[in-house]
Amino acid sequence: MESIKLKFAFAFALLLGVSNCYGQNWNEIFRQKKTQQKYLLQQILALEVYASYLKKGYEIVDGGLQTIRDFTNGEFSLHNAFISSLKKVSPAVRNDLRVVEIIEMQVNIGREFNGIKANPNLSVSNQLYIQNVRENLWEESLKDLEELLMVITSGKIEMSDDERIERLNRVYFSMRDKSAFTQNFISEISRFTRQKEMEIRSIEQTRNNYGIRE
């Protein structure tokens, strides 16, 4: 069990680490074929573990990130069977940039929600509603990730390259819709919290003007 947590922690940290560099050196990464393959394989490796254990909840993520301090290279297996399965799929599928973009959108969805979960201007009912939306999005996103795994690896399901590309395209647009919804939803939440902040400041200013104390 501890080994599984370490693998998950490494993969999740890898996801976050690679996603942080998108804005800085993403174009440079894909100018070089070898570098592209390296980063793509890393992303897919992270995706495999990420999709497999996401249903177990955020506790594993939090605990895993704590135990990652004890991680050494000798304790981590690169899932050779998975990598071999990936290599059997046509490069047109496994090297499709949409694979990485799907993962990026999934990571960004989580990051967007993490930015609002501790806002003091949200009531308990507001927070419960947001949590419900978040959980539904995660559940639907997980289905997309599982579909993606079937598309980019051999042995999961027999498909032609054309069928894989078609399903990859479907997953891409599905995740893009979720990403767009998340951005709009978070934007509305941000607007709402700003409005609440203005109302609170206005009330405090009125109290100060009239010398009203709580």
N, C-alpha and C. Protein backbone atom coordinates (compact mmCIF):
# COMPACT_ATOMS: atom_id res chain seq x y z
N MET A 1 0.83 -1.21 0.00
CA MET A 1 0.00 0.00 0.00
C MET A 1 0.86 1.25 0.00
N GLU A 2 1.93 1.22 0.80
CA GLU A 2 2.82 2.38 0.87
C GLU A 2 3.48 2.63 -0.48
N SER A 3 3.82 1.52 -1.17
CA SER A 3 4.44 1.66 -2.48
C SER A 3 3.48 2.31 -3.46
N ILE A 4 2.20 1.94 -3.38
CA ILE A 4 1.19 2.54 -4.25
C ILE A 4 1.08 4.03 -3.98
N LYS A 5 1.10 4.41 -2.70
CA LYS A 5 1.00 5.83 -2.36
C LYS A 5 2.19 6.61 -2.90
N LEU A 6 3.38 5.99 -2.82
CA LEU A 6 4.57 6.67 -3.32
C LEU A 6 4.49 6.87 -4.82
N LYS A 7 4.01 5.84 -5.52
CA LYS A 7 3.86 5.95 -6.97
C LYS A 7 2.85 7.04 -7.31
N PHE A 8 1.75 7.05 -6.58
CA PHE A 8 0.75 8.07 -6.83
C PHE A 8 1.28 9.46 -6.53
N ALA A 9 2.00 9.58 -5.43
CA ALA A 9 2.56 10.88 -5.05
C ALA A 9 3.51 11.39 -6.11
N PHE A 10 4.37 10.50 -6.61
CA PHE A 10 5.32 10.91 -7.64
C PHE A 10 4.59 11.35 -8.89
N ALA A 11 3.60 10.57 -9.30
CA ALA A 11 2.87 10.88 -10.52
C ALA A 11 2.09 12.18 -10.38
N PHE A 12 1.44 12.37 -9.23
CA PHE A 12 0.66 13.59 -9.04
C PHE A 12 1.56 14.81 -8.99
N ALA A 13 2.69 14.68 -8.30
CA ALA A 13 3.65 15.78 -8.24
C ALA A 13 4.18 16.08 -9.63
N LEU A 14 4.37 15.04 -10.42
CA LEU A 14 4.85 15.21 -11.79
C LEU A 14 3.84 15.98 -12.61
N LEU A 15 2.57 15.62 -12.45
CA LEU A 15 1.51 16.34 -13.14
C LEU A 15 1.55 17.83 -12.82
N LEU A 16 1.62 18.14 -11.54
CA LEU A 16 1.64 19.54 -11.12
C LEU A 16 2.90 20.24 -11.59
N GLY A 17 4.01 19.55 -11.51
CA GLY A 17 5.28 20.15 -11.89
C GLY A 17 5.35 20.46 -13.36
N VAL A 18 4.90 19.51 -14.18
CA VAL A 18 4.94 19.73 -15.62
C VAL A 18 3.94 20.79 -16.03
N SER A 19 2.77 20.79 -15.37
CA SER A 19 1.75 21.78 -15.74
C SER A 19 2.22 23.19 -15.44
N ASN A 20 3.07 23.36 -14.45
CA ASN A 20 3.54 24.70 -14.10
C ASN A 20 4.43 25.30 -15.17
N CYS A 21 4.98 24.47 -16.03
CA CYS A 21 5.92 24.99 -17.03
C CYS A 21 5.24 25.29 -18.35
N TYR A 22 3.92 25.04 -18.47
CA TYR A 22 3.25 25.23 -19.75
C TYR A 22 3.45 26.63 -20.31
N GLY A 23 3.18 27.62 -19.46
CA GLY A 23 3.27 28.99 -19.93
C GLY A 23 4.68 29.45 -20.22
N GLN A 24 5.69 28.80 -19.64
CA GLN A 24 7.06 29.27 -19.75
C GLN A 24 7.83 28.63 -20.90
N ASN A 25 7.73 27.29 -21.00
CA ASN A 25 8.58 26.66 -22.01
C ASN A 25 7.87 25.60 -22.83
N TRP A 26 6.54 25.67 -22.90
CA TRP A 26 5.81 24.64 -23.63
C TRP A 26 6.19 24.61 -25.10
N ASN A 27 6.31 25.76 -25.73
CA ASN A 27 6.68 25.79 -27.14
C ASN A 27 8.07 25.23 -27.37
N GLU A 28 9.00 25.57 -26.46
CA GLU A 28 10.36 25.08 -26.60
C GLU A 28 10.43 23.57 -26.45
N ILE A 29 9.60 23.03 -25.55
CA ILE A 29 9.60 21.59 -25.31
C ILE A 29 9.29 20.83 -26.60
N PHE A 30 8.30 21.28 -27.33
CA PHE A 30 7.85 20.52 -28.48
C PHE A 30 8.58 20.87 -29.77
N ARG A 31 9.61 21.68 -29.68
CA ARG A 31 10.46 21.90 -30.84
C ARG A 31 11.44 20.74 -31.04
N GLN A 32 11.70 20.02 -30.00
CA GLN A 32 12.65 18.93 -30.06
C GLN A 32 11.92 17.60 -29.90
N LYS A 33 12.11 16.72 -30.87
CA LYS A 33 11.37 15.46 -30.90
C LYS A 33 11.63 14.61 -29.66
N LYS A 34 12.90 14.47 -29.29
CA LYS A 34 13.23 13.63 -28.14
C LYS A 34 12.63 14.19 -26.86
N THR A 35 12.71 15.50 -26.72
CA THR A 35 12.15 16.13 -25.53
C THR A 35 10.64 15.97 -25.51
N GLN A 36 10.03 16.07 -26.67
CA GLN A 36 8.58 15.89 -26.77
C GLN A 36 8.18 14.51 -26.29
N GLN A 37 8.87 13.49 -26.77
CA GLN A 37 8.54 12.13 -26.38
C GLN A 37 8.73 11.93 -24.88
N LYS A 38 9.80 12.49 -24.35
CA LYS A 38 10.09 12.35 -22.92
C LYS A 38 8.96 12.95 -22.08
N TYR A 39 8.58 14.18 -22.40
CA TYR A 39 7.55 14.84 -21.61
C TYR A 39 6.19 14.17 -21.81
N LEU A 40 5.91 13.71 -23.02
CA LEU A 40 4.64 13.06 -23.27
C LEU A 40 4.53 11.77 -22.48
N LEU A 41 5.60 10.98 -22.47
CA LEU A 41 5.60 9.74 -21.70
C LEU A 41 5.44 10.01 -20.21
N GLN A 42 6.07 11.06 -19.73
CA GLN A 42 5.92 11.43 -18.33
C GLN A 42 4.47 11.81 -18.02
N GLN A 43 3.88 12.55 -18.91
CA GLN A 43 2.49 12.96 -18.71
C GLN A 43 1.57 11.75 -18.68
N ILE A 44 1.79 10.83 -19.63
CA ILE A 44 0.92 9.67 -19.70
C ILE A 44 1.11 8.76 -18.50
N LEU A 45 2.34 8.62 -18.05
CA LEU A 45 2.61 7.83 -16.85
C LEU A 45 1.86 8.42 -15.66
N ALA A 46 1.94 9.73 -15.51
CA ALA A 46 1.22 10.39 -14.43
C ALA A 46 -0.29 10.20 -14.59
N LEU A 47 -0.76 10.30 -15.83
CA LEU A 47 -2.18 10.15 -16.10
C LEU A 47 -2.67 8.77 -15.70
N GLU A 48 -1.88 7.73 -15.98
CA GLU A 48 -2.30 6.37 -15.66
C GLU A 48 -2.57 6.20 -14.17
N VAL A 49 -1.61 6.61 -13.35
CA VAL A 49 -1.78 6.47 -11.91
C VAL A 49 -2.86 7.41 -11.41
N TYR A 50 -2.86 8.62 -11.95
CA TYR A 50 -3.84 9.63 -11.55
C TYR A 50 -5.26 9.14 -11.77
N ALA A 51 -5.54 8.61 -12.96
CA ALA A 51 -6.89 8.14 -13.28
C ALA A 51 -7.27 6.92 -12.46
N SER A 52 -6.29 6.07 -12.15
CA SER A 52 -6.56 4.83 -11.42
C SER A 52 -6.98 5.08 -9.98
N TYR A 53 -6.43 6.13 -9.34
CA TYR A 53 -6.65 6.34 -7.91
C TYR A 53 -7.46 7.59 -7.57
N LEU A 54 -7.91 8.31 -8.59
CA LEU A 54 -8.66 9.53 -8.33
C LEU A 54 -9.92 9.26 -7.51
N LYS A 55 -10.59 8.14 -7.78
CA LYS A 55 -11.83 7.81 -7.09
C LYS A 55 -11.63 7.60 -5.59
N LYS A 56 -10.40 7.36 -5.17
CA LYS A 56 -10.14 7.09 -3.75
C LYS A 56 -10.11 8.37 -2.93
N GLY A 57 -10.20 9.52 -3.60
CA GLY A 57 -10.34 10.77 -2.87
C GLY A 57 -9.05 11.52 -2.69
N TYR A 58 -9.18 12.72 -2.13
CA TYR A 58 -8.04 13.62 -1.99
C TYR A 58 -7.13 13.23 -0.84
N GLU A 59 -7.60 12.32 0.04
CA GLU A 59 -6.76 11.93 1.18
C GLU A 59 -5.47 11.27 0.71
N ILE A 60 -5.57 10.45 -0.31
CA ILE A 60 -4.38 9.77 -0.82
C ILE A 60 -3.40 10.79 -1.38
N VAL A 61 -3.94 11.79 -2.07
CA VAL A 61 -3.08 12.83 -2.64
C VAL A 61 -2.34 13.56 -1.53
N ASP A 62 -3.08 14.00 -0.52
CA ASP A 62 -2.46 14.75 0.57
C ASP A 62 -1.44 13.91 1.31
N GLY A 63 -1.81 12.68 1.65
CA GLY A 63 -0.88 11.81 2.36
C GLY A 63 0.32 11.46 1.51
N GLY A 64 0.06 11.25 0.21
CA GLY A 64 1.15 10.88 -0.68
C GLY A 64 2.18 11.98 -0.82
N LEU A 65 1.71 13.21 -0.88
CA LEU A 65 2.64 14.32 -1.03
C LEU A 65 3.50 14.48 0.22
N GLN A 66 3.00 14.03 1.36
CA GLN A 66 3.80 14.07 2.57
C GLN A 66 4.88 12.99 2.55
N THR A 67 4.53 11.82 2.02
CA THR A 67 5.48 10.70 2.03
C THR A 67 6.49 10.80 0.89
N ILE A 68 6.27 11.72 -0.04
CA ILE A 68 7.17 11.82 -1.18
C ILE A 68 8.58 12.23 -0.73
N ARG A 69 8.69 12.82 0.46
CA ARG A 69 10.00 13.22 0.97
C ARG A 69 10.90 12.00 1.15
N ASP A 70 10.28 10.84 1.40
CA ASP A 70 11.05 9.63 1.61
C ASP A 70 11.29 8.86 0.31
N PHE A 71 10.88 9.47 -0.81
CA PHE A 71 10.96 8.80 -2.10
C PHE A 71 12.40 8.72 -2.61
N THR A 72 12.76 7.56 -3.17
CA THR A 72 14.05 7.40 -3.86
C THR A 72 13.78 6.74 -5.19
N ASN A 73 14.69 6.91 -6.14
CA ASN A 73 14.49 6.36 -7.47
C ASN A 73 14.30 4.84 -7.44
N GLY A 74 14.98 4.18 -6.53
CA GLY A 74 14.89 2.74 -6.47
C GLY A 74 13.53 2.22 -6.06
N GLU A 75 12.71 3.09 -5.48
CA GLU A 75 11.40 2.67 -5.01
C GLU A 75 10.32 2.85 -6.06
N PHE A 76 10.67 3.45 -7.18
CA PHE A 76 9.64 3.78 -8.17
C PHE A 76 9.84 2.99 -9.46
N SER A 77 8.81 2.30 -9.88
CA SER A 77 8.85 1.54 -11.14
C SER A 77 8.19 2.37 -12.23
N LEU A 78 8.77 2.39 -13.39
CA LEU A 78 8.24 3.20 -14.48
C LEU A 78 7.10 2.50 -15.23
N HIS A 79 6.55 1.47 -14.64
CA HIS A 79 5.44 0.77 -15.27
C HIS A 79 5.81 0.34 -16.69
N ASN A 80 6.81 -0.53 -16.80
CA ASN A 80 7.31 -0.93 -18.11
C ASN A 80 6.21 -1.50 -19.00
N ALA A 81 5.29 -2.25 -18.40
CA ALA A 81 4.21 -2.83 -19.19
C ALA A 81 3.36 -1.75 -19.82
N PHE A 82 3.11 -0.69 -19.05
CA PHE A 82 2.30 0.42 -19.56
C PHE A 82 3.03 1.15 -20.68
N ILE A 83 4.32 1.42 -20.47
CA ILE A 83 5.11 2.11 -21.49
C ILE A 83 5.18 1.28 -22.76
N SER A 84 5.36 -0.02 -22.61
CA SER A 84 5.41 -0.90 -23.78
C SER A 84 4.08 -0.88 -24.52
N SER A 85 2.99 -0.87 -23.76
CA SER A 85 1.67 -0.81 -24.36
C SER A 85 1.47 0.50 -25.10
N LEU A 86 1.99 1.57 -24.54
CA LEU A 86 1.90 2.88 -25.18
C LEU A 86 2.65 2.90 -26.49
N LYS A 87 3.84 2.31 -26.50
CA LYS A 87 4.68 2.33 -27.69
C LYS A 87 4.09 1.54 -28.85
N LYS A 88 3.19 0.60 -28.55
CA LYS A 88 2.59 -0.21 -29.60
C LYS A 88 1.52 0.55 -30.37
N VAL A 89 1.06 1.63 -29.80
CA VAL A 89 0.06 2.46 -30.47
C VAL A 89 0.75 3.38 -31.46
N SER A 90 0.08 3.65 -32.56
CA SER A 90 0.64 4.50 -33.61
C SER A 90 1.10 5.84 -33.06
N PRO A 91 2.27 6.33 -33.53
CA PRO A 91 2.75 7.66 -33.09
C PRO A 91 1.74 8.76 -33.38
N ALA A 92 0.93 8.57 -34.43
CA ALA A 92 -0.08 9.57 -34.76
C ALA A 92 -1.07 9.75 -33.62
N VAL A 93 -1.24 8.70 -32.82
CA VAL A 93 -2.15 8.76 -31.68
C VAL A 93 -1.42 9.18 -30.42
N ARG A 94 -0.35 8.45 -30.08
CA ARG A 94 0.31 8.70 -28.80
C ARG A 94 1.05 10.03 -28.75
N ASN A 95 1.44 10.58 -29.92
CA ASN A 95 2.15 11.86 -29.95
C ASN A 95 1.22 13.03 -30.26
N ASP A 96 -0.07 12.77 -30.32
CA ASP A 96 -1.03 13.84 -30.59
C ASP A 96 -0.99 14.84 -29.43
N LEU A 97 -0.83 16.12 -29.77
CA LEU A 97 -0.72 17.15 -28.74
C LEU A 97 -1.98 17.28 -27.89
N ARG A 98 -3.10 16.79 -28.42
CA ARG A 98 -4.33 16.88 -27.64
C ARG A 98 -4.27 16.02 -26.39
N VAL A 99 -3.44 14.97 -26.41
CA VAL A 99 -3.28 14.13 -25.22
C VAL A 99 -2.79 14.98 -24.05
N VAL A 100 -1.74 15.74 -24.31
CA VAL A 100 -1.18 16.60 -23.26
C VAL A 100 -2.15 17.72 -22.90
N GLU A 101 -2.84 18.27 -23.89
CA GLU A 101 -3.78 19.35 -23.63
C GLU A 101 -4.93 18.88 -22.75
N ILE A 102 -5.36 17.64 -22.94
CA ILE A 102 -6.42 17.09 -22.10
C ILE A 102 -5.97 17.04 -20.65
N ILE A 103 -4.73 16.56 -20.44
CA ILE A 103 -4.19 16.48 -19.08
C ILE A 103 -4.05 17.88 -18.49
N GLU A 104 -3.59 18.81 -19.30
CA GLU A 104 -3.42 20.19 -18.83
C GLU A 104 -4.75 20.77 -18.38
N MET A 105 -5.80 20.54 -19.18
CA MET A 105 -7.11 21.07 -18.81
C MET A 105 -7.61 20.45 -17.51
N GLN A 106 -7.37 19.14 -17.34
CA GLN A 106 -7.79 18.48 -16.11
C GLN A 106 -7.09 19.07 -14.89
N VAL A 107 -5.78 19.27 -14.99
CA VAL A 107 -5.02 19.86 -13.89
C VAL A 107 -5.51 21.27 -13.59
N ASN A 108 -5.79 22.04 -14.63
CA ASN A 108 -6.23 23.42 -14.44
C ASN A 108 -7.61 23.49 -13.80
N ILE A 109 -8.47 22.52 -14.10
CA ILE A 109 -9.78 22.48 -13.46
C ILE A 109 -9.62 22.36 -11.94
N GLY A 110 -8.76 21.45 -11.52
CA GLY A 110 -8.50 21.29 -10.09
C GLY A 110 -7.90 22.53 -9.47
N ARG A 111 -6.98 23.17 -10.18
CA ARG A 111 -6.32 24.37 -9.66
C ARG A 111 -7.32 25.52 -9.51
N GLU A 112 -8.23 25.65 -10.47
CA GLU A 112 -9.22 26.72 -10.40
C GLU A 112 -10.09 26.58 -9.15
N PHE A 113 -10.53 25.36 -8.87
CA PHE A 113 -11.38 25.14 -7.70
C PHE A 113 -10.60 25.29 -6.41
N ASN A 114 -9.35 24.90 -6.42
CA ASN A 114 -8.53 25.05 -5.21
C ASN A 114 -8.37 26.51 -4.81
N GLY A 115 -8.47 27.40 -5.79
CA GLY A 115 -8.28 28.81 -5.51
C GLY A 115 -9.43 29.47 -4.78
N ILE A 116 -10.60 28.81 -4.72
CA ILE A 116 -11.76 29.45 -4.10
C ILE A 116 -12.27 28.71 -2.88
N LYS A 117 -11.74 27.53 -2.59
CA LYS A 117 -12.35 26.70 -1.55
C LYS A 117 -12.25 27.31 -0.15
N ALA A 118 -11.28 28.21 0.09
CA ALA A 118 -11.08 28.75 1.44
C ALA A 118 -11.52 30.21 1.54
N ASN A 119 -12.32 30.69 0.61
CA ASN A 119 -12.73 32.09 0.62
C ASN A 119 -13.68 32.36 1.78
N PRO A 120 -13.34 33.29 2.68
CA PRO A 120 -14.16 33.56 3.88
C PRO A 120 -15.49 34.23 3.56
N ASN A 121 -15.64 34.76 2.36
CA ASN A 121 -16.88 35.44 2.00
C ASN A 121 -17.94 34.50 1.45
N LEU A 122 -17.65 33.21 1.43
CA LEU A 122 -18.62 32.23 0.97
C LEU A 122 -19.29 31.57 2.17
N SER A 123 -20.61 31.53 2.14
CA SER A 123 -21.35 30.89 3.22
C SER A 123 -21.19 29.38 3.13
N VAL A 124 -21.65 28.69 4.17
CA VAL A 124 -21.57 27.23 4.19
C VAL A 124 -22.35 26.64 3.02
N SER A 125 -23.54 27.18 2.77
CA SER A 125 -24.36 26.67 1.66
C SER A 125 -23.67 26.92 0.32
N ASN A 126 -23.02 28.09 0.18
CA ASN A 126 -22.27 28.38 -1.04
C ASN A 126 -21.15 27.37 -1.24
N GLN A 127 -20.42 27.10 -0.17
CA GLN A 127 -19.30 26.18 -0.25
C GLN A 127 -19.76 24.76 -0.57
N LEU A 128 -20.89 24.35 0.00
CA LEU A 128 -21.43 23.02 -0.28
C LEU A 128 -21.84 22.91 -1.74
N TYR A 129 -22.43 23.97 -2.27
CA TYR A 129 -22.83 23.97 -3.67
C TYR A 129 -21.61 23.87 -4.58
N ILE A 130 -20.59 24.65 -4.27
CA ILE A 130 -19.36 24.62 -5.06
C ILE A 130 -18.71 23.24 -4.99
N GLN A 131 -18.70 22.66 -3.79
CA GLN A 131 -18.13 21.32 -3.63
C GLN A 131 -18.90 20.29 -4.46
N ASN A 132 -20.21 20.43 -4.51
CA ASN A 132 -21.03 19.51 -5.30
C ASN A 132 -20.71 19.63 -6.78
N VAL A 133 -20.59 20.87 -7.25
CA VAL A 133 -20.23 21.09 -8.65
C VAL A 133 -18.85 20.51 -8.94
N ARG A 134 -17.93 20.74 -8.03
CA ARG A 134 -16.57 20.24 -8.20
C ARG A 134 -16.54 18.71 -8.28
N GLU A 135 -17.26 18.05 -7.37
CA GLU A 135 -17.26 16.59 -7.35
C GLU A 135 -17.87 16.02 -8.63
N ASN A 136 -18.94 16.66 -9.12
CA ASN A 136 -19.56 16.21 -10.37
C ASN A 136 -18.60 16.37 -11.55
N LEU A 137 -17.88 17.48 -11.55
CA LEU A 137 -16.90 17.70 -12.62
C LEU A 137 -15.79 16.67 -12.57
N TRP A 138 -15.31 16.38 -11.36
CA TRP A 138 -14.24 15.38 -11.21
C TRP A 138 -14.71 14.02 -11.69
N GLU A 139 -15.94 13.67 -11.35
CA GLU A 139 -16.47 12.36 -11.76
C GLU A 139 -16.55 12.26 -13.27
N GLU A 140 -17.05 13.31 -13.91
CA GLU A 140 -17.15 13.31 -15.36
C GLU A 140 -15.77 13.38 -16.01
N SER A 141 -14.87 14.13 -15.40
CA SER A 141 -13.51 14.21 -15.94
C SER A 141 -12.81 12.87 -15.86
N LEU A 142 -13.09 12.13 -14.79
CA LEU A 142 -12.49 10.81 -14.63
C LEU A 142 -12.90 9.89 -15.78
N LYS A 143 -14.14 10.00 -16.21
CA LYS A 143 -14.60 9.20 -17.34
C LYS A 143 -13.80 9.55 -18.60
N ASP A 144 -13.53 10.84 -18.77
CA ASP A 144 -12.72 11.26 -19.92
C ASP A 144 -11.31 10.70 -19.83
N LEU A 145 -10.73 10.72 -18.63
CA LEU A 145 -9.37 10.21 -18.46
C LEU A 145 -9.30 8.71 -18.71
N GLU A 146 -10.31 7.99 -18.26
CA GLU A 146 -10.35 6.55 -18.50
C GLU A 146 -10.51 6.25 -19.99
N GLU A 147 -11.31 7.05 -20.66
CA GLU A 147 -11.46 6.92 -22.11
C GLU A 147 -10.14 7.20 -22.81
N LEU A 148 -9.44 8.22 -22.33
CA LEU A 148 -8.14 8.58 -22.91
C LEU A 148 -7.15 7.43 -22.79
N LEU A 149 -7.14 6.78 -21.65
CA LEU A 149 -6.23 5.65 -21.44
C LEU A 149 -6.51 4.53 -22.43
N MET A 150 -7.78 4.27 -22.70
CA MET A 150 -8.13 3.23 -23.65
C MET A 150 -7.67 3.59 -25.06
N VAL A 151 -7.70 4.88 -25.36
CA VAL A 151 -7.34 5.34 -26.70
C VAL A 151 -5.84 5.26 -26.96
N ILE A 152 -5.04 5.61 -25.96
CA ILE A 152 -3.60 5.77 -26.20
C ILE A 152 -2.77 4.55 -25.86
N THR A 153 -3.41 3.49 -25.36
CA THR A 153 -2.65 2.28 -25.05
C THR A 153 -3.24 1.08 -25.76
N SER A 154 -2.39 0.12 -26.07
CA SER A 154 -2.85 -1.13 -26.68
C SER A 154 -3.28 -2.08 -25.59
N GLY A 155 -4.09 -3.06 -25.94
CA GLY A 155 -4.50 -4.06 -24.97
C GLY A 155 -5.75 -3.69 -24.21
N LYS A 156 -6.06 -2.39 -24.14
CA LYS A 156 -7.28 -1.97 -23.46
C LYS A 156 -8.50 -2.33 -24.30
N ILE A 157 -8.44 -1.99 -25.58
CA ILE A 157 -9.52 -2.25 -26.50
C ILE A 157 -8.95 -2.19 -27.91
N GLU A 158 -9.45 -3.07 -28.80
CA GLU A 158 -8.95 -3.10 -30.17
C GLU A 158 -9.61 -1.99 -30.98
N MET A 159 -8.78 -1.12 -31.55
CA MET A 159 -9.28 -0.03 -32.38
C MET A 159 -8.29 0.26 -33.48
N SER A 160 -8.80 0.74 -34.61
CA SER A 160 -7.93 1.22 -35.67
C SER A 160 -7.43 2.61 -35.30
N ASP A 161 -6.41 3.09 -36.02
CA ASP A 161 -5.90 4.44 -35.75
C ASP A 161 -7.00 5.49 -35.93
N ASP A 162 -7.80 5.32 -36.98
CA ASP A 162 -8.87 6.28 -37.24
C ASP A 162 -9.88 6.30 -36.09
N GLU A 163 -10.18 5.11 -35.56
CA GLU A 163 -11.12 5.04 -34.44
C GLU A 163 -10.52 5.68 -33.19
N ARG A 164 -9.22 5.47 -32.98
CA ARG A 164 -8.56 6.08 -31.82
C ARG A 164 -8.55 7.60 -31.93
N ILE A 165 -8.24 8.10 -33.12
CA ILE A 165 -8.21 9.55 -33.34
C ILE A 165 -9.60 10.14 -33.12
N GLU A 166 -10.62 9.43 -33.60
CA GLU A 166 -11.99 9.91 -33.43
C GLU A 166 -12.38 9.98 -31.96
N ARG A 167 -12.02 8.95 -31.20
CA ARG A 167 -12.35 8.93 -29.78
C ARG A 167 -11.51 9.94 -29.01
N LEU A 168 -10.26 10.11 -29.42
CA LEU A 168 -9.41 11.12 -28.80
C LEU A 168 -10.02 12.51 -29.00
N ASN A 169 -10.51 12.75 -30.20
CA ASN A 169 -11.13 14.03 -30.50
C ASN A 169 -12.36 14.26 -29.62
N ARG A 170 -13.13 13.18 -29.42
CA ARG A 170 -14.32 13.28 -28.58
C ARG A 170 -13.96 13.60 -27.13
N VAL A 171 -12.92 12.94 -26.63
CA VAL A 171 -12.45 13.21 -25.26
C VAL A 171 -11.95 14.64 -25.15
N TYR A 172 -11.22 15.09 -26.16
CA TYR A 172 -10.66 16.44 -26.15
C TYR A 172 -11.77 17.49 -26.03
N PHE A 173 -12.80 17.36 -26.87
CA PHE A 173 -13.88 18.36 -26.84
C PHE A 173 -14.71 18.24 -25.56
N SER A 174 -14.84 17.03 -25.04
CA SER A 174 -15.55 16.85 -23.77
C SER A 174 -14.81 17.56 -22.64
N MET A 175 -13.49 17.38 -22.59
CA MET A 175 -12.71 18.03 -21.54
C MET A 175 -12.66 19.54 -21.76
N ARG A 176 -12.64 19.96 -23.01
CA ARG A 176 -12.62 21.39 -23.30
C ARG A 176 -13.91 22.05 -22.82
N ASP A 177 -15.04 21.36 -22.99
CA ASP A 177 -16.31 21.88 -22.50
C ASP A 177 -16.28 22.03 -20.98
N LYS A 178 -15.71 21.04 -20.30
CA LYS A 178 -15.62 21.10 -18.84
C LYS A 178 -14.69 22.23 -18.41
N SER A 179 -13.62 22.42 -19.15
CA SER A 179 -12.68 23.50 -18.84
C SER A 179 -13.35 24.86 -19.00
N ALA A 180 -14.11 25.02 -20.09
CA ALA A 180 -14.80 26.29 -20.34
C ALA A 180 -15.86 26.54 -19.27
N PHE A 181 -16.59 25.49 -18.91
CA PHE A 181 -17.59 25.63 -17.84
C PHE A 181 -16.93 26.05 -16.54
N THR A 182 -15.80 25.42 -16.22
CA THR A 182 -15.09 25.73 -14.98
C THR A 182 -14.66 27.19 -14.95
N GLN A 183 -14.10 27.67 -16.05
CA GLN A 183 -13.65 29.06 -16.11
C GLN A 183 -14.82 30.02 -15.90
N ASN A 184 -15.95 29.73 -16.56
CA ASN A 184 -17.12 30.60 -16.40
C ASN A 184 -17.68 30.53 -14.97
N PHE A 185 -17.70 29.32 -14.42
CA PHE A 185 -18.22 29.13 -13.07
C PHE A 185 -17.36 29.86 -12.05
N ILE A 186 -16.05 29.70 -12.16
CA ILE A 186 -15.13 30.35 -11.23
C ILE A 186 -15.21 31.87 -11.39
N SER A 187 -15.39 32.33 -12.62
CA SER A 187 -15.52 33.76 -12.86
C SER A 187 -16.75 34.32 -12.15
N GLU A 188 -17.86 33.57 -12.19
CA GLU A 188 -19.08 34.00 -11.51
C GLU A 188 -18.88 33.99 -9.99
N ILE A 189 -18.20 32.98 -9.49
CA ILE A 189 -17.92 32.91 -8.05
C ILE A 189 -17.05 34.09 -7.62
N SER A 190 -16.06 34.40 -8.43
CA SER A 190 -15.17 35.53 -8.12
C SER A 190 -15.94 36.84 -8.12
N ARG A 191 -16.83 37.00 -9.10
CA ARG A 191 -17.65 38.21 -9.16
C ARG A 191 -18.53 38.31 -7.91
N PHE A 192 -19.10 37.18 -7.51
CA PHE A 192 -19.97 37.15 -6.33
C PHE A 192 -19.19 37.51 -5.07
N THR A 193 -18.00 36.95 -4.91
CA THR A 193 -17.21 37.23 -3.70
C THR A 193 -16.73 38.68 -3.67
N ARG A 194 -16.41 39.22 -4.84
CA ARG A 194 -16.02 40.65 -4.89
C ARG A 194 -17.18 41.53 -4.47
N GLN A 195 -18.37 41.17 -4.93
CA GLN A 195 -19.56 41.93 -4.56
C GLN A 195 -19.80 41.87 -3.05
N LYS A 196 -19.61 40.68 -2.47
CA LYS A 196 -19.78 40.53 -1.02
C LYS A 196 -18.75 41.37 -0.27
N GLU A 197 -17.52 41.39 -0.78
CA GLU A 197 -16.47 42.19 -0.15
C GLU A 197 -16.83 43.67 -0.17
N MET A 198 -17.38 44.14 -1.30
CA MET A 198 -17.78 45.54 -1.41
C MET A 198 -18.91 45.86 -0.44
N GLU A 199 -19.85 44.93 -0.30
CA GLU A 199 -20.96 45.14 0.62
C GLU A 199 -20.46 45.22 2.06
N ILE A 200 -19.54 44.34 2.41
CA ILE A 200 -18.99 44.33 3.77
C ILE A 200 -18.25 45.63 4.06
N ARG A 201 -17.44 46.08 3.08
CA ARG A 201 -16.71 47.35 3.27
C ARG A 201 -17.66 48.53 3.39
N SER A 202 -18.75 48.49 2.60
CA SER A 202 -19.73 49.57 2.65
C SER A 202 -20.41 49.62 4.01
N ILE A 203 -20.76 48.46 4.53
CA ILE A 203 -21.40 48.40 5.86
C ILE A 203 -20.45 48.89 6.94
N GLU A 204 -19.20 48.47 6.86
CA GLU A 204 -18.20 48.90 7.84
C GLU A 204 -17.98 50.40 7.78
N GLN A 205 -17.96 50.95 6.55
CA GLN A 205 -17.77 52.38 6.39
C GLN A 205 -18.94 53.16 6.99
N THR A 206 -20.15 52.66 6.76
CA THR A 206 -21.34 53.31 7.32
C THR A 206 -21.31 53.29 8.84
N ARG A 207 -20.92 52.18 9.41
CA ARG A 207 -20.81 52.08 10.87
C ARG A 207 -19.77 53.05 11.42
N ASN A 208 -18.65 53.15 10.71
CA ASN A 208 -17.61 54.07 11.16
C ASN A 208 -18.09 55.52 11.09
N ASN A 209 -18.82 55.84 10.01
CA ASN A 209 -19.30 57.22 9.84
C ASN A 209 -20.26 57.63 10.96
N TYR A 210 -21.07 56.68 11.43
CA TYR A 210 -22.06 56.99 12.45
C TYR A 210 -21.64 56.53 13.84
N GLY A 211 -20.40 56.06 13.94
CA GLY A 211 -19.89 55.65 15.24
C GLY A 211 -20.59 54.43 15.80
N ILE A 212 -21.10 53.59 14.94
CA ILE A 212 -21.81 52.39 15.39
C ILE A 212 -20.80 51.29 15.68
N ARG A 213 -20.92 50.71 16.84
CA ARG A 213 -20.05 49.60 17.21
C ARG A 213 -20.87 48.32 17.30
N GLU A 214 -20.23 47.22 16.97
CA GLU A 214 -20.92 45.93 17.04
C GLU A 214 -21.10 45.51 18.50
